[in-house]
Amino acid sequence: MSSTTRTTRTTRTTRTTLATLAAFAALSAASAQAGELFVNIHSGQAMAQGAGLVLAGQALAQKASVRVLLCDAAGDIALAGKELPTLKPRNVTPQQMLQGLIQSGATVEVCALYLPNAGKQATDLIAGVTPAKPAEVAAHLLKPGVSTLAF
C-alpha cells in the first residue's frame, strides 16, 4: 500500500472518529441537560421554606430551570423589609436564600391571591419577584418534564 493511500485512509479514519466523538459529545450533553423544577412554598415555617429554597438552589447548580411560587404565609419571604429568622448552618434568612436564587436565574412569583389578601402591592416585593399569572403558571405545570415540589 502506498503512503498516499495510507495517508488518505488515516485522514478518513480520523475524520470519522472526530465526527463520532462530536456526535457522542452532543448526545451526552443533551441527555445530561437538567429539566425544569417548579417549587411551591406555602408554609409559614422558616425551616420548611429553607428546605424548598435549598433544593431549588441545588437544582439551579445542576443546570435545571427553576420556578418558585410563594403562596400563603410563604409570600412574606418576598416582602421588602420583612424580618425573618436566620437558618443554620449558613446563617441566612429565607429571603436571603430567595435573593440568591433570583441572582442565579430562578423565576420567583407570589401567587395571585397573596397580595390582595395580605393587603400588599407589587411594589412591596423585593426585586426580582413578581405577581403570578395563574394561566401562565398552569401552562408551565402542564409542560412535559416539569418536576414539582411543595413545602
Protein backbone atom coordinates (compact mmCIF):
# COMPACT_ATOMS: atom_id res chain seq x y z
CA MET A 1 0.00 0.00 0.00
CA SER A 2 1.39 3.39 -0.96
CA SER A 3 1.99 6.17 1.53
CA THR A 4 -0.67 8.30 -0.22
CA THR A 5 -3.27 5.57 0.26
CA ARG A 6 -2.29 5.16 3.92
CA THR A 7 -2.49 8.93 4.47
CA THR A 8 -5.93 9.08 2.82
CA ARG A 9 -7.21 6.20 4.97
CA THR A 10 -5.74 7.72 8.12
CA THR A 11 -7.35 11.07 7.30
CA ARG A 12 -10.74 9.39 6.69
CA THR A 13 -10.45 7.38 9.90
CA THR A 14 -9.51 10.50 11.85
CA ARG A 15 -12.45 12.44 10.38
CA THR A 16 -14.86 9.59 11.12
CA THR A 17 -13.54 9.28 14.67
CA LEU A 18 -13.82 13.02 15.23
CA ALA A 19 -17.35 13.08 13.82
CA THR A 20 -18.33 10.15 16.04
CA LEU A 21 -16.82 11.83 19.10
CA ALA A 22 -18.60 15.10 18.29
CA ALA A 23 -21.93 13.29 17.89
CA PHE A 24 -21.37 11.41 21.16
CA ALA A 25 -20.49 14.65 22.97
CA ALA A 26 -23.63 16.35 21.64
CA LEU A 27 -25.78 13.38 22.64
CA SER A 28 -24.20 13.25 26.08
CA ALA A 29 -24.73 16.97 26.60
CA ALA A 30 -28.37 16.69 25.55
CA SER A 31 -29.05 13.77 27.86
CA ALA A 32 -27.21 15.46 30.74
CA GLN A 33 -29.31 18.60 30.49
CA ALA A 34 -31.32 19.12 33.60
CA GLY A 35 -35.04 19.57 33.35
CA GLU A 36 -37.38 22.05 34.92
CA LEU A 37 -38.27 22.27 38.58
CA PHE A 38 -41.36 24.01 39.95
CA VAL A 39 -41.21 24.67 43.70
CA ASN A 40 -44.38 25.76 45.51
CA ILE A 41 -43.71 27.08 49.01
CA HIS A 42 -46.72 27.87 51.17
CA SER A 43 -45.51 27.05 54.67
CA GLY A 44 -45.01 29.81 57.18
CA GLN A 45 -42.29 27.76 58.88
CA ALA A 46 -38.76 29.00 58.18
CA MET A 47 -37.20 25.52 58.05
CA ALA A 48 -39.76 24.27 55.52
CA GLN A 49 -39.21 27.40 53.45
CA GLY A 50 -35.47 26.92 53.70
CA ALA A 51 -35.70 23.28 52.63
CA GLY A 52 -37.57 24.23 49.48
CA LEU A 53 -35.14 27.05 48.72
CA VAL A 54 -32.09 24.86 49.30
CA LEU A 55 -33.39 22.22 46.89
CA ALA A 56 -34.23 24.90 44.33
CA GLY A 57 -30.67 26.19 44.66
CA GLN A 58 -29.22 22.72 44.20
CA ALA A 59 -31.35 22.23 41.08
CA LEU A 60 -30.05 25.53 39.68
CA ALA A 61 -26.49 24.43 40.41
CA GLN A 62 -27.21 21.30 38.37
CA LYS A 63 -28.38 23.47 35.46
CA ALA A 64 -32.12 22.98 35.91
CA SER A 65 -34.58 25.72 35.11
CA VAL A 66 -36.25 26.69 38.40
CA ARG A 67 -39.54 28.46 39.03
CA VAL A 68 -40.66 29.23 42.60
CA LEU A 69 -44.22 30.12 43.57
CA LEU A 70 -44.73 31.59 47.04
CA CYS A 71 -48.23 31.27 48.45
CA ASP A 72 -49.99 31.92 51.76
CA ALA A 73 -47.58 32.70 54.62
CA ALA A 74 -44.54 31.97 52.43
CA GLY A 75 -45.34 35.07 50.41
CA ASP A 76 -43.93 37.06 53.33
CA ILE A 77 -40.45 35.88 52.28
CA ALA A 78 -40.73 38.21 49.29
CA LEU A 79 -41.74 41.35 51.21
CA ALA A 80 -39.13 44.10 51.24
CA GLY A 81 -38.00 44.91 54.77
CA LYS A 82 -39.53 41.77 56.28
CA GLU A 83 -37.54 40.43 59.23
CA LEU A 84 -37.14 36.68 59.05
CA PRO A 85 -35.32 34.13 61.22
CA THR A 86 -31.77 33.13 60.38
CA LEU A 87 -31.27 29.48 59.47
CA LYS A 88 -28.19 27.44 60.31
CA PRO A 89 -25.72 26.24 59.17
CA ARG A 90 -25.21 29.12 56.69
CA ASN A 91 -26.80 31.77 58.94
CA VAL A 92 -29.02 33.19 56.21
CA THR A 93 -32.69 34.10 56.17
CA PRO A 94 -35.18 32.57 53.74
CA GLN A 95 -35.28 35.95 51.98
CA GLN A 96 -31.50 35.95 51.50
CA MET A 97 -31.77 32.43 50.10
CA LEU A 98 -34.53 33.61 47.77
CA GLN A 99 -32.43 36.53 46.58
CA GLY A 100 -29.59 34.13 45.81
CA LEU A 101 -31.96 32.04 43.67
CA ILE A 102 -33.08 35.13 41.79
CA GLN A 103 -29.47 36.15 41.16
CA SER A 104 -28.77 32.64 39.87
CA GLY A 105 -31.62 32.85 37.36
CA ALA A 106 -34.68 31.40 39.08
CA THR A 107 -38.11 32.80 38.29
CA VAL A 108 -39.88 33.77 41.52
CA GLU A 109 -43.52 34.75 41.87
CA VAL A 110 -46.09 35.24 44.60
CA CYS A 111 -49.43 33.57 43.96
CA ALA A 112 -52.23 35.71 42.60
CA LEU A 113 -54.12 35.55 45.90
CA TYR A 114 -51.25 36.64 48.13
CA LEU A 115 -51.00 40.39 47.52
CA PRO A 116 -54.72 41.30 47.65
CA ASN A 117 -55.34 39.11 50.70
CA ALA A 118 -52.24 40.33 52.54
CA GLY A 119 -53.17 43.97 51.84
CA LYS A 120 -49.95 44.43 49.87
CA GLN A 121 -48.97 45.76 46.45
CA ALA A 122 -46.44 44.51 43.88
CA THR A 123 -44.26 47.45 44.93
CA ASP A 124 -43.94 45.83 48.38
CA LEU A 125 -41.99 42.89 46.89
CA ILE A 126 -38.22 42.56 46.74
CA ALA A 127 -36.53 42.99 43.37
CA GLY A 128 -36.98 40.02 41.07
CA VAL A 129 -40.29 38.79 42.50
CA THR A 130 -43.48 39.33 40.51
CA PRO A 131 -47.16 38.51 40.96
CA ALA A 132 -48.01 35.20 39.27
CA LYS A 133 -50.45 34.94 36.40
CA PRO A 134 -52.50 31.77 37.04
CA ALA A 135 -52.89 30.87 33.34
CA GLU A 136 -49.11 31.05 32.83
CA VAL A 137 -48.40 29.00 35.96
CA ALA A 138 -50.91 26.34 34.88
CA ALA A 139 -49.42 26.20 31.37
CA HIS A 140 -45.95 25.79 32.87
CA LEU A 141 -47.09 22.98 35.16
CA LEU A 142 -48.69 21.15 32.23
CA LYS A 143 -45.49 21.12 30.19
CA PRO A 144 -43.92 17.67 29.89
CA GLY A 145 -40.86 17.14 32.06
CA VAL A 146 -41.64 19.66 34.80
CA SER A 147 -40.93 18.22 38.23
CA THR A 148 -42.75 19.70 41.20
CA LEU A 149 -42.01 20.08 44.89
CA ALA A 150 -44.25 21.57 47.56
CA PHE A 151 -43.32 22.88 51.01
